[in-house]
Amino acid sequence: MRCNNCGNDIAGGVNFCPVCGATLQSSEKGKLSLIVALAGSVVSFLALFLPFLKISLFYSESQSLSLMSGNLRTDGLILSAILVGGVLLILTGKNSKGIRNFVVGGIVCFIALVDLFNNKGRLSAGSLITVSAGIGFYLVMLGGIAIIVSGVLRNKNM
């Protein structure tokens, strides 16, 4: 076994590196955290193409907008760039104790909430227009929460 922090060879069965004192985690324990983070990222990315907002005018048929269509495209591109950058940070952060996962998941959830409330306020100017969250919003939030949970798993060395 090799220490991820200092690179020294270590005998198996120990929890701490005798040279630098870093906590050692087995590769199986880190895999669950990585799988949850990647699954959350994939779900969030795919949700960008699903209806993010549902807009209804009076009692007529509702329209749906995804984050990759129309006026919301810029928001979708920003969120997709954060997801791609976040996945790269998570993949390269072996000794981050899950902090990167917390930050990336928190930013994804925060941007989704801000985008929902910003567009809801902007689009529902009249009393006849109702704007509600679509399946894309809920899946982006679910993906962001999964990324945060992966940080908890990584922090607990699960």
Protein backbone atom coordinates (compact mmCIF):
# COMPACT_ATOMS: atom_id res chain seq x y z
CA MET A 1 0.00 0.00 0.00
CA ARG A 2 1.21 3.53 -0.77
CA CYS A 3 0.37 6.73 1.15
CA ASN A 4 -1.63 9.17 -1.00
CA ASN A 5 -0.15 12.12 0.89
CA CYS A 6 3.61 11.49 1.00
CA GLY A 7 3.99 8.48 -1.35
CA ASN A 8 5.84 6.21 1.10
CA ASP A 9 5.28 2.45 1.02
CA ILE A 10 3.26 1.26 4.01
CA ALA A 11 2.46 -2.19 5.33
CA GLY A 12 -1.19 -3.21 4.97
CA GLY A 13 -3.67 -3.04 7.84
CA VAL A 14 -2.73 0.39 9.22
CA ASN A 15 -5.06 3.39 9.30
CA PHE A 16 -2.44 6.15 9.44
CA CYS A 17 0.83 6.73 7.59
CA PRO A 18 3.71 6.28 10.06
CA VAL A 19 5.77 8.91 8.18
CA CYS A 20 3.36 11.83 7.66
CA GLY A 21 0.38 10.80 9.82
CA ALA A 22 -2.17 11.06 7.00
CA THR A 23 -5.32 8.99 7.26
CA LEU A 24 -5.26 6.08 4.84
CA GLN A 25 -8.34 4.88 3.07
CA SER A 26 -8.66 1.77 1.02
CA SER A 27 -9.55 2.07 -2.63
CA GLU A 28 -12.94 0.38 -2.05
CA LYS A 29 -13.94 3.02 0.49
CA GLY A 30 -13.14 5.86 -1.89
CA LYS A 31 -14.96 4.24 -4.80
CA LEU A 32 -18.44 4.64 -3.28
CA SER A 33 -17.89 8.38 -2.82
CA LEU A 34 -16.63 8.71 -6.38
CA ILE A 35 -19.54 6.72 -7.83
CA VAL A 36 -22.10 8.85 -5.95
CA ALA A 37 -20.39 12.07 -7.09
CA LEU A 38 -20.25 10.97 -10.72
CA ALA A 39 -23.87 9.76 -10.66
CA GLY A 40 -24.99 13.10 -9.22
CA SER A 41 -23.02 14.96 -11.88
CA VAL A 42 -24.50 12.88 -14.70
CA VAL A 43 -28.06 13.33 -13.38
CA SER A 44 -27.53 17.10 -13.06
CA PHE A 45 -26.05 17.35 -16.53
CA LEU A 46 -28.86 15.35 -18.17
CA ALA A 47 -31.43 17.45 -16.30
CA LEU A 48 -30.20 20.52 -18.19
CA PHE A 49 -32.04 19.21 -21.25
CA LEU A 50 -35.32 18.45 -19.43
CA PRO A 51 -38.07 20.98 -18.62
CA PHE A 52 -36.69 23.30 -15.91
CA LEU A 53 -39.68 25.65 -15.78
CA LYS A 54 -43.36 25.15 -16.57
CA ILE A 55 -45.18 28.29 -17.65
CA SER A 56 -48.97 28.45 -17.79
CA LEU A 57 -51.03 31.39 -19.05
CA PHE A 58 -54.42 31.49 -17.34
CA TYR A 59 -55.94 28.05 -17.96
CA SER A 60 -54.27 27.29 -21.26
CA GLU A 61 -51.80 24.50 -21.97
CA SER A 62 -48.46 24.97 -20.23
CA GLN A 63 -45.12 25.44 -21.94
CA SER A 64 -41.84 24.06 -20.68
CA LEU A 65 -38.37 25.57 -20.85
CA SER A 66 -35.15 23.64 -20.36
CA LEU A 67 -31.91 25.27 -19.25
CA MET A 68 -30.46 24.65 -22.70
CA SER A 69 -33.20 26.42 -24.65
CA GLY A 70 -34.18 30.01 -25.32
CA ASN A 71 -33.35 32.70 -22.78
CA LEU A 72 -32.21 30.15 -20.20
CA ARG A 73 -29.37 28.82 -22.38
CA THR A 74 -26.74 31.03 -20.72
CA ASP A 75 -27.74 29.70 -17.31
CA GLY A 76 -27.53 26.14 -18.62
CA LEU A 77 -24.08 26.71 -20.10
CA ILE A 78 -22.83 28.20 -16.82
CA LEU A 79 -24.22 25.27 -14.85
CA SER A 80 -22.77 22.73 -17.28
CA ALA A 81 -19.33 24.41 -17.05
CA ILE A 82 -19.55 24.22 -13.25
CA LEU A 83 -20.49 20.54 -13.46
CA VAL A 84 -17.60 19.70 -15.79
CA GLY A 85 -15.13 21.70 -13.73
CA GLY A 86 -16.54 20.21 -10.53
CA VAL A 87 -16.15 16.67 -11.79
CA LEU A 88 -12.53 17.41 -12.69
CA LEU A 89 -11.93 18.88 -9.22
CA ILE A 90 -13.54 15.88 -7.55
CA LEU A 91 -11.54 13.40 -9.64
CA THR A 92 -8.23 15.12 -8.88
CA GLY A 93 -8.92 15.81 -5.19
CA LYS A 94 -7.70 12.66 -3.45
CA ASN A 95 -6.88 14.36 -0.15
CA SER A 96 -9.68 16.93 -0.07
CA LYS A 97 -11.70 15.21 2.70
CA GLY A 98 -14.85 15.85 0.64
CA ILE A 99 -14.62 19.65 0.76
CA ARG A 100 -14.57 19.91 -3.04
CA ASN A 101 -17.67 17.75 -3.22
CA PHE A 102 -19.47 19.99 -0.70
CA VAL A 103 -18.52 23.10 -2.65
CA VAL A 104 -19.45 21.74 -6.09
CA GLY A 105 -22.77 20.26 -4.90
CA GLY A 106 -23.60 23.44 -2.99
CA ILE A 107 -22.89 25.64 -6.00
CA VAL A 108 -25.04 23.43 -8.26
CA CYS A 109 -27.99 23.58 -5.83
CA PHE A 110 -27.52 27.30 -5.22
CA ILE A 111 -27.46 28.18 -8.93
CA ALA A 112 -30.54 26.03 -9.59
CA LEU A 113 -32.47 27.75 -6.78
CA VAL A 114 -31.39 31.25 -7.81
CA ASP A 115 -32.23 30.51 -11.44
CA LEU A 116 -35.66 29.16 -10.53
CA PHE A 117 -36.61 32.12 -8.34
CA ASN A 118 -35.08 34.70 -10.68
CA ASN A 119 -36.96 33.38 -13.72
CA LYS A 120 -40.10 32.77 -11.70
CA GLY A 121 -40.17 36.41 -10.63
CA ARG A 122 -39.27 37.69 -14.09
CA LEU A 123 -41.74 35.54 -16.04
CA SER A 124 -44.75 35.67 -13.72
CA ALA A 125 -45.28 39.41 -14.09
CA GLY A 126 -49.04 39.18 -14.40
CA SER A 127 -51.54 37.41 -12.19
CA LEU A 128 -52.62 35.21 -15.11
CA ILE A 129 -49.17 33.67 -15.59
CA THR A 130 -47.98 30.91 -13.30
CA VAL A 131 -44.44 29.60 -13.30
CA SER A 132 -43.49 26.39 -11.52
CA ALA A 133 -40.51 24.08 -11.30
CA GLY A 134 -40.22 21.29 -13.82
CA ILE A 135 -38.61 17.87 -13.61
CA GLY A 136 -35.28 19.34 -14.74
CA PHE A 137 -35.10 21.57 -11.66
CA TYR A 138 -35.78 18.66 -9.32
CA LEU A 139 -33.18 16.47 -11.02
CA VAL A 140 -30.53 19.23 -10.89
CA MET A 141 -31.24 19.59 -7.16
CA LEU A 142 -31.12 15.80 -6.68
CA GLY A 143 -27.78 15.63 -8.51
CA GLY A 144 -26.37 18.48 -6.42
CA ILE A 145 -27.50 16.80 -3.21
CA ALA A 146 -25.90 13.53 -4.38
CA ILE A 147 -22.62 15.38 -4.91
CA ILE A 148 -22.88 16.80 -1.38
CA VAL A 149 -23.61 13.31 0.00
CA SER A 150 -20.52 12.03 -1.79
CA GLY A 151 -18.55 14.61 0.17
CA VAL A 152 -20.01 13.26 3.40
CA LEU A 153 -19.06 9.73 2.33
CA ARG A 154 -15.56 10.82 1.43
CA ASN A 155 -15.20 12.69 4.73
CA LYS A 156 -16.29 9.63 6.69
CA ASN A 157 -14.00 7.43 4.57
CA MET A 158 -16.87 5.24 3.42
